[in-house]
């Protein structure tokens, strides 16, 4: 009878478990469909990244970015729903690359979108060389230096008054972009250097001037000849030398020769005219040797002072008188002793 009750209990327990399994639905794992935008730069906190999908329940769960060898990046979630999560990620200094997107529900079920989010290096522009060029020059090679430049797809000159002037990109690295501009019929003005990456990220800021193609020349001679000539700090040749195709305006001419003082002159170059520079170089003055007078050593005779040392007092000698008195006193004492015995 007891065995029958035990079997009946087990059957009832199994049936109850089966009924509960059919009635109570098992929580489904979250599902990620898209993430928008799917990239950001590692320059700071990035907000407004929306993860879309289904089955989200992250009240006590969360969202993070994960990459092997790197610390997880935990999101701050605002206004979560079962189909949408709006996230903010602290990306300052994060490793560039493709990161997994992980959604974790409060029951610890999770879903991973493999390499679903790309972190990019922040683009900075630090210098451009050269920083000006003449209009109507059909081949101007420009090097832009900075950071985060390895993915640059476009290099162009921007001025709100004109159409963009786009370069042909010759080379890119993480720290520089080299491009060639065709400046034929380009308006003389000041422009911004801009770059754009494959994700549509744009960075502008460096100044680039397009100047007139009208030029003049500068004729430089020196005495003595054979001196180096610099135009605005750029070496151009040795004297006598004529600098051709110099842009209009003020320029610094420096004439330099070893053993001579540098000669510097500012010249104003005018269209289709030649300015002249004649440098009479002054020799560098020889360093004067300062004669330090020899100081004769005078020997001063040493004055010797004789000090008279007092003569020591003689040690008193034991006198014969003292000895005799002692003997007498001894004899008397002996006599007294003899008398006392009697």
C-alpha atoms as a PDB file:
ATOM      1  CA  UNK A   1       0.000   0.000   0.000  1.00  0.00           C
ATOM      2  CA  UNK A   2       2.850   2.360   0.907  1.00  0.00           C
ATOM      3  CA  UNK A   3       4.588   1.548  -2.383  1.00  0.00           C
ATOM      4  CA  UNK A   4       1.435   2.423  -4.320  1.00  0.00           C
ATOM      5  CA  UNK A   5       1.181   5.805  -2.550  1.00  0.00           C
ATOM      6  CA  UNK A   6       4.822   6.578  -3.342  1.00  0.00           C
ATOM      7  CA  UNK A   7       4.395   5.747  -7.017  1.00  0.00           C
ATOM      8  CA  UNK A   8       1.225   7.824  -7.167  1.00  0.00           C
ATOM      9  CA  UNK A   9       3.090  10.795  -5.643  1.00  0.00           C
ATOM     10  CA  UNK A  10       5.906  10.577  -8.203  1.00  0.00           C
ATOM     11  CA  UNK A  11       3.407  10.435 -11.069  1.00  0.00           C
ATOM     12  CA  UNK A  12       1.563  13.466  -9.708  1.00  0.00           C
ATOM     13  CA  UNK A  13       4.844  15.440  -9.322  1.00  0.00           C
ATOM     14  CA  UNK A  14       5.877  14.652 -12.893  1.00  0.00           C
ATOM     15  CA  UNK A  15       2.471  15.651 -14.208  1.00  0.00           C
ATOM     16  CA  UNK A  16       2.533  18.920 -12.273  1.00  0.00           C
ATOM     17  CA  UNK A  17       6.017  19.775 -13.611  1.00  0.00           C
ATOM     18  CA  UNK A  18       4.906  18.983 -17.168  1.00  0.00           C
ATOM     19  CA  UNK A  19       1.805  21.168 -16.833  1.00  0.00           C
ATOM     20  CA  UNK A  20       3.861  24.083 -15.448  1.00  0.00           C
ATOM     21  CA  UNK A  21       6.364  23.740 -18.283  1.00  0.00           C
ATOM     22  CA  UNK A  22       3.532  23.962 -20.793  1.00  0.00           C
ATOM     23  CA  UNK A  23       1.716  26.802 -19.061  1.00  0.00           C
ATOM     24  CA  UNK A  24       4.647  29.004 -17.928  1.00  0.00           C
ATOM     25  CA  UNK A  25       6.711  30.203 -20.925  1.00  0.00           C
ATOM     26  CA  UNK A  26      10.503  29.946 -20.714  1.00  0.00           C
ATOM     27  CA  UNK A  27      12.184  33.375 -20.946  1.00  0.00           C
ATOM     28  CA  UNK A  28      13.681  33.866 -24.412  1.00  0.00           C
ATOM     29  CA  UNK A  29      17.243  35.154 -24.861  1.00  0.00           C
ATOM     30  CA  UNK A  30      17.570  38.696 -26.246  1.00  0.00           C
ATOM     31  CA  UNK A  31      18.097  39.086 -29.978  1.00  0.00           C
ATOM     32  CA  UNK A  32      20.164  41.898 -31.582  1.00  0.00           C
ATOM     33  CA  UNK A  33      19.171  43.027 -35.064  1.00  0.00           C
ATOM     34  CA  UNK A  34      21.049  46.304 -35.629  1.00  0.00           C
ATOM     35  CA  UNK A  35      23.185  48.921 -33.889  1.00  0.00           C
ATOM     36  CA  UNK A  36      23.122  52.500 -35.138  1.00  0.00           C
ATOM     37  CA  UNK A  37      25.520  54.135 -35.539  1.00  0.00           C
ATOM     38  CA  UNK A  38      27.814  51.151 -35.669  1.00  0.00           C
ATOM     39  CA  UNK A  39      31.000  53.133 -35.123  1.00  0.00           C
ATOM     40  CA  UNK A  40      32.404  55.952 -32.990  1.00  0.00           C
ATOM     41  CA  UNK A  41      35.721  57.673 -32.224  1.00  0.00           C
ATOM     42  CA  UNK A  42      37.789  57.088 -29.098  1.00  0.00           C
ATOM     43  CA  UNK A  43      37.919  60.729 -28.065  1.00  0.00           C
ATOM     44  CA  UNK A  44      35.457  60.617 -25.167  1.00  0.00           C
ATOM     45  CA  UNK A  45      31.940  59.601 -24.156  1.00  0.00           C
ATOM     46  CA  UNK A  46      29.639  58.739 -27.082  1.00  0.00           C
ATOM     47  CA  UNK A  47      25.857  58.923 -26.655  1.00  0.00           C
ATOM     48  CA  UNK A  48      22.814  58.066 -28.734  1.00  0.00           C
ATOM     49  CA  UNK A  49      23.874  54.610 -29.897  1.00  0.00           C
ATOM     50  CA  UNK A  50      20.661  52.607 -30.457  1.00  0.00           C
ATOM     51  CA  UNK A  51      20.544  48.798 -30.309  1.00  0.00           C
ATOM     52  CA  UNK A  52      17.424  47.339 -31.935  1.00  0.00           C
ATOM     53  CA  UNK A  53      16.126  43.784 -31.559  1.00  0.00           C
ATOM     54  CA  UNK A  54      13.726  41.806 -29.393  1.00  0.00           C
ATOM     55  CA  UNK A  55      13.417  40.186 -25.988  1.00  0.00           C
ATOM     56  CA  UNK A  56      15.347  42.918 -24.190  1.00  0.00           C
ATOM     57  CA  UNK A  57      14.913  42.946 -20.424  1.00  0.00           C
ATOM     58  CA  UNK A  58      17.966  44.644 -18.978  1.00  0.00           C
ATOM     59  CA  UNK A  59      16.526  46.057 -15.756  1.00  0.00           C
ATOM     60  CA  UNK A  60      19.287  44.320 -13.840  1.00  0.00           C
ATOM     61  CA  UNK A  61      21.301  43.248 -16.877  1.00  0.00           C
ATOM     62  CA  UNK A  62      23.244  45.468 -19.199  1.00  0.00           C
ATOM     63  CA  UNK A  63      25.033  46.185 -22.472  1.00  0.00           C
ATOM     64  CA  UNK A  64      28.766  46.119 -23.078  1.00  0.00           C
ATOM     65  CA  UNK A  65      31.411  46.150 -25.781  1.00  0.00           C
ATOM     66  CA  UNK A  66      33.878  43.290 -25.630  1.00  0.00           C
ATOM     67  CA  UNK A  67      37.221  42.605 -27.328  1.00  0.00           C
ATOM     68  CA  UNK A  68      39.776  39.933 -26.548  1.00  0.00           C
ATOM     69  CA  UNK A  69      42.615  41.310 -24.443  1.00  0.00           C
ATOM     70  CA  UNK A  70      40.779  44.534 -23.618  1.00  0.00           C
ATOM     71  CA  UNK A  71      38.688  45.628 -20.652  1.00  0.00           C
ATOM     72  CA  UNK A  72      34.931  45.495 -21.287  1.00  0.00           C
ATOM     73  CA  UNK A  73      33.267  48.846 -22.000  1.00  0.00           C
ATOM     74  CA  UNK A  74      30.025  49.099 -20.033  1.00  0.00           C
ATOM     75  CA  UNK A  75      27.152  51.175 -21.413  1.00  0.00           C
ATOM     76  CA  UNK A  76      24.786  53.506 -19.630  1.00  0.00           C
ATOM     77  CA  UNK A  77      21.236  52.690 -20.831  1.00  0.00           C
ATOM     78  CA  UNK A  78      18.394  55.208 -21.040  1.00  0.00           C
ATOM     79  CA  UNK A  79      14.677  54.451 -21.629  1.00  0.00           C
ATOM     80  CA  UNK A  80      15.076  50.705 -22.318  1.00  0.00           C
ATOM     81  CA  UNK A  81      12.244  48.804 -24.016  1.00  0.00           C
ATOM     82  CA  UNK A  82      11.908  45.200 -25.115  1.00  0.00           C
ATOM     83  CA  UNK A  83      12.929  46.170 -28.658  1.00  0.00           C
ATOM     84  CA  UNK A  84      15.242  49.155 -28.254  1.00  0.00           C
ATOM     85  CA  UNK A  85      18.172  50.179 -26.037  1.00  0.00           C
ATOM     86  CA  UNK A  86      19.692  53.664 -26.239  1.00  0.00           C
ATOM     87  CA  UNK A  87      23.254  53.558 -24.951  1.00  0.00           C
ATOM     88  CA  UNK A  88      26.167  55.801 -24.025  1.00  0.00           C
ATOM     89  CA  UNK A  89      29.713  54.395 -24.057  1.00  0.00           C
ATOM     90  CA  UNK A  90      32.860  55.875 -22.434  1.00  0.00           C
ATOM     91  CA  UNK A  91      35.294  55.462 -25.329  1.00  0.00           C
ATOM     92  CA  UNK A  92      38.127  57.776 -24.309  1.00  0.00           C
ATOM     93  CA  UNK A  93      41.395  55.976 -25.095  1.00  0.00           C
ATOM     94  CA  UNK A  94      39.648  52.746 -26.154  1.00  0.00           C
ATOM     95  CA  UNK A  95      41.536  50.409 -28.480  1.00  0.00           C
ATOM     96  CA  UNK A  96      40.575  51.020 -32.130  1.00  0.00           C
ATOM     97  CA  UNK A  97      39.069  48.010 -33.890  1.00  0.00           C
ATOM     98  CA  UNK A  98      35.945  45.869 -34.156  1.00  0.00           C
ATOM     99  CA  UNK A  99      34.229  45.070 -30.841  1.00  0.00           C
ATOM    100  CA  UNK A 100      31.502  42.547 -29.993  1.00  0.00           C
ATOM    101  CA  UNK A 101      28.188  43.987 -28.784  1.00  0.00           C
ATOM    102  CA  UNK A 102      26.740  42.042 -25.836  1.00  0.00           C
ATOM    103  CA  UNK A 103      23.208  42.406 -24.412  1.00  0.00           C
ATOM    104  CA  UNK A 104      22.585  40.663 -21.072  1.00  0.00           C
ATOM    105  CA  UNK A 105      19.041  40.272 -19.695  1.00  0.00           C
ATOM    106  CA  UNK A 106      18.227  40.272 -16.001  1.00  0.00           C
ATOM    107  CA  UNK A 107      17.942  36.458 -16.040  1.00  0.00           C
ATOM    108  CA  UNK A 108      21.585  36.387 -17.289  1.00  0.00           C
ATOM    109  CA  UNK A 109      20.645  35.218 -20.780  1.00  0.00           C
ATOM    110  CA  UNK A 110      22.633  37.094 -23.383  1.00  0.00           C
ATOM    111  CA  UNK A 111      23.069  37.682 -27.088  1.00  0.00           C
ATOM    112  CA  UNK A 112      26.264  38.707 -28.898  1.00  0.00           C
ATOM    113  CA  UNK A 113      26.575  40.643 -32.151  1.00  0.00           C
ATOM    114  CA  UNK A 114      30.071  39.633 -33.211  1.00  0.00           C
ATOM    115  CA  UNK A 115      32.264  42.610 -34.234  1.00  0.00           C
ATOM    116  CA  UNK A 116      29.107  44.684 -34.392  1.00  0.00           C
ATOM    117  CA  UNK A 117      30.712  47.961 -33.335  1.00  0.00           C
ATOM    118  CA  UNK A 118      33.849  49.703 -34.648  1.00  0.00           C
ATOM    119  CA  UNK A 119      35.930  52.074 -32.553  1.00  0.00           C
ATOM    120  CA  UNK A 120      38.023  54.498 -34.609  1.00  0.00           C
ATOM    121  CA  UNK A 121      41.028  56.631 -33.694  1.00  0.00           C
ATOM    122  CA  UNK A 122      40.076  60.268 -33.267  1.00  0.00           C
ATOM    123  CA  UNK A 123      41.174  62.368 -36.258  1.00  0.00           C
ATOM    124  CA  UNK A 124      43.457  65.316 -35.541  1.00  0.00           C
ATOM    125  CA  UNK A 125      45.250  67.626 -37.990  1.00  0.00           C
ATOM    126  CA  UNK A 126      48.498  69.192 -36.798  1.00  0.00           C
ATOM    127  CA  UNK A 127      50.286  70.608 -39.862  1.00  0.00           C
ATOM    128  CA  UNK A 128      50.188  70.981 -43.644  1.00  0.00           C
ATOM    129  CA  UNK A 129      53.186  71.406 -45.922  1.00  0.00           C
ATOM    130  CA  UNK A 130      53.314  73.526 -47.975  1.00  0.00           C
ATOM    131  CA  UNK A 131      50.602  75.792 -46.610  1.00  0.00           C
ATOM    132  CA  UNK A 132      50.134  77.817 -49.799  1.00  0.00           C
ATOM    133  CA  UNK A 133      50.362  77.397 -53.574  1.00  0.00           C
ATOM    134  CA  UNK A 134      49.859  79.420 -56.727  1.00  0.00           C
ATOM    135  CA  UNK A 135      46.664  79.238 -58.696  1.00  0.00           C
ATOM    136  CA  UNK A 136      46.834  77.601 -62.144  1.00  0.00           C
ATOM    137  CA  UNK A 137      49.361  75.068 -60.886  1.00  0.00           C
ATOM    138  CA  UNK A 138      48.026  71.687 -61.973  1.00  0.00           C
ATOM    139  CA  UNK A 139      50.193  69.553 -59.674  1.00  0.00           C
ATOM    140  CA  UNK A 140      50.596  70.688 -56.069  1.00  0.00           C
ATOM    141  CA  UNK A 141      51.676  67.909 -53.700  1.00  0.00           C
ATOM    142  CA  UNK A 142      50.550  68.498 -50.111  1.00  0.00           C
ATOM    143  CA  UNK A 143      51.336  66.527 -46.945  1.00  0.00           C
ATOM    144  CA  UNK A 144      48.903  66.710 -44.032  1.00  0.00           C
ATOM    145  CA  UNK A 145      50.132  65.427 -40.656  1.00  0.00           C
ATOM    146  CA  UNK A 146      48.016  64.368 -37.667  1.00  0.00           C
ATOM    147  CA  UNK A 147      46.546  61.251 -36.046  1.00  0.00           C
ATOM    148  CA  UNK A 148      43.847  58.737 -36.973  1.00  0.00           C
ATOM    149  CA  UNK A 149      44.490  59.235 -40.691  1.00  0.00           C
ATOM    150  CA  UNK A 150      44.879  55.623 -41.868  1.00  0.00           C
ATOM    151  CA  UNK A 151      41.249  55.384 -43.075  1.00  0.00           C
ATOM    152  CA  UNK A 152      41.110  58.752 -44.882  1.00  0.00           C
ATOM    153  CA  UNK A 153      39.298  58.473 -48.205  1.00  0.00           C
ATOM    154  CA  UNK A 154      39.122  62.142 -49.206  1.00  0.00           C
ATOM    155  CA  UNK A 155      41.395  65.195 -48.894  1.00  0.00           C
ATOM    156  CA  UNK A 156      39.999  68.538 -50.022  1.00  0.00           C
ATOM    157  CA  UNK A 157      40.127  72.335 -49.734  1.00  0.00           C
ATOM    158  CA  UNK A 158      37.019  73.978 -48.320  1.00  0.00           C
ATOM    159  CA  UNK A 159      35.733  77.526 -48.619  1.00  0.00           C
ATOM    160  CA  UNK A 160      32.027  78.231 -48.199  1.00  0.00           C
ATOM    161  CA  UNK A 161      32.128  80.557 -51.225  1.00  0.00           C
ATOM    162  CA  UNK A 162      33.331  77.942 -53.718  1.00  0.00           C
ATOM    163  CA  UNK A 163      33.083  74.280 -54.619  1.00  0.00           C
ATOM    164  CA  UNK A 164      35.406  71.913 -52.761  1.00  0.00           C
ATOM    165  CA  UNK A 165      38.771  71.254 -54.404  1.00  0.00           C
ATOM    166  CA  UNK A 166      39.528  67.555 -54.015  1.00  0.00           C
ATOM    167  CA  UNK A 167      43.011  66.031 -54.179  1.00  0.00           C
ATOM    168  CA  UNK A 168      44.120  62.726 -55.602  1.00  0.00           C
ATOM    169  CA  UNK A 169      45.358  60.773 -52.566  1.00  0.00           C
ATOM    170  CA  UNK A 170      48.860  59.364 -53.089  1.00  0.00           C
ATOM    171  CA  UNK A 171      49.455  57.749 -49.703  1.00  0.00           C
ATOM    172  CA  UNK A 172      47.981  57.448 -46.204  1.00  0.00           C
ATOM    173  CA  UNK A 173      49.308  56.275 -42.852  1.00  0.00           C
ATOM    174  CA  UNK A 174      47.988  56.697 -39.335  1.00  0.00           C
ATOM    175  CA  UNK A 175      49.905  59.996 -39.056  1.00  0.00           C
ATOM    176  CA  UNK A 176      49.867  61.542 -42.538  1.00  0.00           C
ATOM    177  CA  UNK A 177      47.984  61.930 -45.801  1.00  0.00           C
ATOM    178  CA  UNK A 178      49.732  62.886 -49.041  1.00  0.00           C
ATOM    179  CA  UNK A 179      47.658  64.226 -51.923  1.00  0.00           C
ATOM    180  CA  UNK A 180      48.042  66.172 -55.163  1.00  0.00           C
ATOM    181  CA  UNK A 181      45.807  69.135 -56.038  1.00  0.00           C
ATOM    182  CA  UNK A 182      45.011  70.536 -59.458  1.00  0.00           C
ATOM    183  CA  UNK A 183      44.630  74.289 -58.893  1.00  0.00           C
ATOM    184  CA  UNK A 184      43.847  75.278 -62.459  1.00  0.00           C
ATOM    185  CA  UNK A 185      41.525  78.332 -62.481  1.00  0.00           C
ATOM    186  CA  UNK A 186      41.105  78.150 -58.702  1.00  0.00           C
ATOM    187  CA  UNK A 187      40.169  81.459 -57.056  1.00  0.00           C
ATOM    188  CA  UNK A 188      42.823  83.215 -54.997  1.00  0.00           C
ATOM    189  CA  UNK A 189      41.677  82.997 -51.378  1.00  0.00           C
ATOM    190  CA  UNK A 190      42.182  81.264 -48.032  1.00  0.00           C
ATOM    191  CA  UNK A 191      40.861  77.680 -47.661  1.00  0.00           C
ATOM    192  CA  UNK A 192      40.550  75.028 -44.956  1.00  0.00           C
ATOM    193  CA  UNK A 193      42.248  71.662 -45.278  1.00  0.00           C
ATOM    194  CA  UNK A 194      39.674  68.894 -44.698  1.00  0.00           C
ATOM    195  CA  UNK A 195      39.800  65.094 -44.566  1.00  0.00           C
ATOM    196  CA  UNK A 196      37.012  62.504 -44.567  1.00  0.00           C
ATOM    197  CA  UNK A 197      37.183  58.824 -43.638  1.00  0.00           C
ATOM    198  CA  UNK A 198      35.207  55.873 -44.988  1.00  0.00           C
ATOM    199  CA  UNK A 199      32.602  56.271 -42.225  1.00  0.00           C
ATOM    200  CA  UNK A 200      31.807  59.840 -43.203  1.00  0.00           C
ATOM    201  CA  UNK A 201      33.779  61.418 -40.366  1.00  0.00           C
ATOM    202  CA  UNK A 202      35.102  64.842 -41.394  1.00  0.00           C
ATOM    203  CA  UNK A 203      37.862  66.915 -39.823  1.00  0.00           C
ATOM    204  CA  UNK A 204      38.825  70.428 -40.983  1.00  0.00           C
ATOM    205  CA  UNK A 205      40.916  73.218 -39.569  1.00  0.00           C
ATOM    206  CA  UNK A 206      44.328  73.836 -41.135  1.00  0.00           C
ATOM    207  CA  UNK A 207      44.712  76.944 -43.301  1.00  0.00           C
ATOM    208  CA  UNK A 208      45.831  76.760 -46.926  1.00  0.00           C
ATOM    209  CA  UNK A 209      46.271  79.868 -49.101  1.00  0.00           C
ATOM    210  CA  UNK A 210      45.988  79.984 -52.862  1.00  0.00           C
ATOM    211  CA  UNK A 211      47.974  82.944 -54.134  1.00  0.00           C
ATOM    212  CA  UNK A 212      48.362  84.635 -57.485  1.00  0.00           C
ATOM    213  CA  UNK A 213      50.345  82.943 -60.223  1.00  0.00           C
ATOM    214  CA  UNK A 214      51.825  86.279 -61.227  1.00  0.00           C
ATOM    215  CA  UNK A 215      55.501  86.176 -60.352  1.00  0.00           C
ATOM    216  CA  UNK A 216      58.719  88.115 -60.386  1.00  0.00           C
ATOM    217  CA  UNK A 217      62.361  87.273 -59.776  1.00  0.00           C
ATOM    218  CA  UNK A 218      65.191  88.169 -57.427  1.00  0.00           C
ATOM    219  CA  UNK A 219      68.808  88.544 -58.580  1.00  0.00           C
ATOM    220  CA  UNK A 220      71.277  87.828 -55.744  1.00  0.00           C
ATOM    221  CA  UNK A 221      75.038  88.430 -55.793  1.00  0.00           C
ATOM    222  CA  UNK A 222      77.598  88.587 -53.022  1.00  0.00           C
ATOM    223  CA  UNK A 223      81.171  89.547 -52.263  1.00  0.00           C
ATOM    224  CA  UNK A 224      82.775  87.113 -51.872  1.00  0.00           C
ATOM    225  CA  UNK A 225      80.732  84.897 -54.192  1.00  0.00           C
ATOM    226  CA  UNK A 226      79.779  81.272 -53.565  1.00  0.00           C
ATOM    227  CA  UNK A 227      77.510  82.092 -50.636  1.00  0.00           C
ATOM    228  CA  UNK A 228      74.308  80.152 -49.990  1.00  0.00           C
ATOM    229  CA  UNK A 229      71.036  81.884 -50.827  1.00  0.00           C
ATOM    230  CA  UNK A 230      67.788  81.318 -48.878  1.00  0.00           C
ATOM    231  CA  UNK A 231      64.339  82.504 -49.915  1.00  0.00           C
ATOM    232  CA  UNK A 232      62.082  82.700 -46.851  1.00  0.00           C
ATOM    233  CA  UNK A 233      64.378  80.192 -45.073  1.00  0.00           C
ATOM    234  CA  UNK A 234      64.361  77.732 -48.028  1.00  0.00           C
ATOM    235  CA  UNK A 235      67.743  77.071 -49.672  1.00  0.00           C
ATOM    236  CA  UNK A 236      67.646  77.884 -53.403  1.00  0.00           C
ATOM    237  CA  UNK A 237      71.270  78.079 -54.645  1.00  0.00           C
ATOM    238  CA  UNK A 238      74.650  79.843 -54.378  1.00  0.00           C
ATOM    239  CA  UNK A 239      75.685  83.314 -55.494  1.00  0.00           C
ATOM    240  CA  UNK A 240      75.552  84.652 -58.078  1.00  0.00           C
ATOM    241  CA  UNK A 241      71.988  83.322 -58.412  1.00  0.00           C
ATOM    242  CA  UNK A 242      68.668  84.476 -59.863  1.00  0.00           C
ATOM    243  CA  UNK A 243      65.562  83.189 -58.111  1.00  0.00           C
ATOM    244  CA  UNK A 244      62.817  82.743 -60.691  1.00  0.00           C
ATOM    245  CA  UNK A 245      59.026  82.501 -60.319  1.00  0.00           C
ATOM    246  CA  UNK A 246      58.881  84.206 -56.952  1.00  0.00           C
ATOM    247  CA  UNK A 247      55.350  85.018 -55.807  1.00  0.00           C
ATOM    248  CA  UNK A 248      54.453  88.672 -55.452  1.00  0.00           C
ATOM    249  CA  UNK A 249      54.871  90.402 -52.151  1.00  0.00           C
ATOM    250  CA  UNK A 250      57.490  90.651 -49.424  1.00  0.00           C
ATOM    251  CA  UNK A 251      60.175  87.987 -49.081  1.00  0.00           C
ATOM    252  CA  UNK A 252      63.215  87.505 -46.844  1.00  0.00           C
ATOM    253  CA  UNK A 253      66.522  86.893 -48.620  1.00  0.00           C
ATOM    254  CA  UNK A 254      69.373  85.441 -46.545  1.00  0.00           C
ATOM    255  CA  UNK A 255      72.955  85.165 -47.852  1.00  0.00           C
ATOM    256  CA  UNK A 256      75.233  82.907 -45.799  1.00  0.00           C
ATOM    257  CA  UNK A 257      78.870  81.864 -46.061  1.00  0.00           C
ATOM    258  CA  UNK A 258      81.131  80.150 -43.568  1.00  0.00           C
ATOM    259  CA  UNK A 259      83.408  82.658 -41.859  1.00  0.00           C
ATOM    260  CA  UNK A 260      81.124  85.598 -42.628  1.00  0.00           C
ATOM    261  CA  UNK A 261      78.211  87.261 -40.924  1.00  0.00           C
ATOM    262  CA  UNK A 262      74.819  86.366 -42.476  1.00  0.00           C
ATOM    263  CA  UNK A 263      73.346  89.067 -44.702  1.00  0.00           C
ATOM    264  CA  UNK A 264      69.554  89.481 -44.490  1.00  0.00           C
ATOM    265  CA  UNK A 265      67.362  91.709 -46.625  1.00  0.00           C
ATOM    266  CA  UNK A 266      63.624  91.949 -47.232  1.00  0.00           C
ATOM    267  CA  UNK A 267      62.601  92.548 -50.851  1.00  0.00           C
ATOM    268  CA  UNK A 268      59.251  93.294 -52.459  1.00  0.00           C
ATOM    269  CA  UNK A 269      58.645  91.237 -55.576  1.00  0.00           C
ATOM    270  CA  UNK A 270      56.494  92.798 -58.284  1.00  0.00           C
ATOM    271  CA  UNK A 271      54.928  91.196 -61.309  1.00  0.00           C
ATOM    272  CA  UNK A 272      57.290  90.599 -64.238  1.00  0.00           C
ATOM    273  CA  UNK A 273      60.126  92.515 -62.573  1.00  0.00           C
ATOM    274  CA  UNK A 274      63.463  91.590 -61.037  1.00  0.00           C
ATOM    275  CA  UNK A 275      64.539  92.735 -57.607  1.00  0.00           C
ATOM    276  CA  UNK A 276      68.255  92.925 -56.856  1.00  0.00           C
ATOM    277  CA  UNK A 277      70.202  91.990 -53.742  1.00  0.00           C
ATOM    278  CA  UNK A 278      73.934  92.773 -53.469  1.00  0.00           C
ATOM    279  CA  UNK A 279      75.453  91.399 -50.298  1.00  0.00           C
ATOM    280  CA  UNK A 280      78.854  92.636 -49.096  1.00  0.00           C
ATOM    281  CA  UNK A 281      79.661  90.021 -46.496  1.00  0.00           C
ATOM    282  CA  UNK A 282      81.607  91.000 -43.395  1.00  0.00           C
ATOM    283  CA  UNK A 283      84.120  88.542 -42.056  1.00  0.00           C
ATOM    284  CA  UNK A 284      83.449  87.195 -38.615  1.00  0.00           C
ATOM    285  CA  UNK A 285      85.722  89.083 -36.189  1.00  0.00           C
ATOM    286  CA  UNK A 286      88.456  86.910 -34.733  1.00  0.00           C
ATOM    287  CA  UNK A 287      88.078  86.320 -31.058  1.00  0.00           C
ATOM    288  CA  UNK A 288      90.432  88.718 -29.219  1.00  0.00           C
ATOM    289  CA  UNK A 289      92.844  87.009 -26.887  1.00  0.00           C
ATOM    290  CA  UNK A 290      92.877  88.683 -23.507  1.00  0.00           C
ATOM    291  CA  UNK A 291      96.378  88.872 -22.086  1.00  0.00           C
ATOM    292  CA  UNK A 292      96.301  88.245 -18.397  1.00  0.00           C
ATOM    293  CA  UNK A 293      99.309  90.023 -16.820  1.00  0.00           C
ATOM    294  CA  UNK A 294     101.699  87.778 -15.018  1.00  0.00           C
ATOM    295  CA  UNK A 295     101.812  88.547 -11.337  1.00  0.00           C
ATOM    296  CA  UNK A 296     105.359  88.390 -10.026  1.00  0.00           C
ATOM    297  CA  UNK A 297     105.819  86.504  -6.817  1.00  0.00           C
ATOM    298  CA  UNK A 298     107.732  88.622  -4.293  1.00  0.00           C
ATOM    299  CA  UNK A 299     109.632  86.690  -1.734  1.00  0.00           C
ATOM    300  CA  UNK A 300     109.338  88.424   1.623  1.00  0.00           C
ATOM    301  CA  UNK A 301     112.083  87.453   4.020  1.00  0.00           C
ATOM    302  CA  UNK A 302     110.757  85.740   7.065  1.00  0.00           C
ATOM    303  CA  UNK A 303     111.446  87.736  10.221  1.00  0.00           C
ATOM    304  CA  UNK A 304     112.853  85.484  12.859  1.00  0.00           C
ATOM    305  CA  UNK A 305     112.212  86.562  16.410  1.00  0.00           C
ATOM    306  CA  UNK A 306     114.503  85.122  19.035  1.00  0.00           C
ATOM    307  CA  UNK A 307     112.668  84.230  22.208  1.00  0.00           C
ATOM    308  CA  UNK A 308     114.789  83.983  25.326  1.00  0.00           C
ATOM    309  CA  UNK A 309     113.748  80.994  27.348  1.00  0.00           C
ATOM    310  CA  UNK A 310     114.351  81.550  31.139  1.00  0.00           C
ATOM    311  CA  UNK A 311     116.990  79.334  32.609  1.00  0.00           C
ATOM    312  CA  UNK A 312     115.495  76.594  34.727  1.00  0.00           C
ATOM    313  CA  UNK A 313     116.080  76.886  38.462  1.00  0.00           C
ATOM    314  CA  UNK A 314     118.581  74.286  39.662  1.00  0.00           C
ATOM    315  CA  UNK A 315     117.198  71.440  41.659  1.00  0.00           C
ATOM    316  CA  UNK A 316     118.372  71.939  45.272  1.00  0.00           C
ATOM    317  CA  UNK A 317     120.921  69.339  46.209  1.00  0.00           C
ATOM    318  CA  UNK A 318     120.620  67.346  49.415  1.00  0.00           C
ATOM    319  CA  UNK A 319     122.968  69.170  51.731  1.00  0.00           C
ATOM    320  CA  UNK A 320     125.355  67.562  54.092  1.00  0.00           C
ATOM    321  CA  UNK A 321     123.798  69.571  56.972  1.00  0.00           C
ATOM    322  CA  UNK A 322     120.439  67.877  56.553  1.00  0.00           C
ATOM    323  CA  UNK A 323     122.143  64.488  56.638  1.00  0.00           C
ATOM    324  CA  UNK A 324     124.083  65.280  59.767  1.00  0.00           C
ATOM    325  CA  UNK A 325     120.973  66.459  61.643  1.00  0.00           C
ATOM    326  CA  UNK A 326     119.274  63.232  60.833  1.00  0.00           C
ATOM    327  CA  UNK A 327     122.172  61.217  62.245  1.00  0.00           C
ATOM    328  CA  UNK A 328     122.222  63.234  65.450  1.00  0.00           C
ATOM    329  CA  UNK A 329     118.508  62.809  66.006  1.00  0.00           C
ATOM    330  CA  UNK A 330     118.882  59.087  65.442  1.00  0.00           C
ATOM    331  CA  UNK A 331     121.675  58.814  67.990  1.00  0.00           C
ATOM    332  CA  UNK A 332     119.645  60.659  70.637  1.00  0.00           C
ATOM    333  CA  UNK A 333     116.641  58.386  70.034  1.00  0.00           C
ATOM    334  CA  UNK A 334     118.901  55.345  70.444  1.00  0.00           C
ATOM    335  CA  UNK A 335     120.314  56.693  73.718  1.00  0.00           C
ATOM    336  CA  UNK A 336     116.866  57.298  75.117  1.00  0.00           C
ATOM    337  CA  UNK A 337     115.894  53.735  74.261  1.00  0.00           C
ATOM    338  CA  UNK A 338     118.951  52.320  76.095  1.00  0.00           C
ATOM    339  CA  UNK A 339     118.232  54.344  79.241  1.00  0.00           C
ATOM    340  CA  UNK A 340     114.613  53.170  79.288  1.00  0.00           C
ATOM    341  CA  UNK A 341     115.701  49.486  79.278  1.00  0.00           C
ATOM    342  CA  UNK A 342     117.833  50.050  82.325  1.00  0.00           C
END
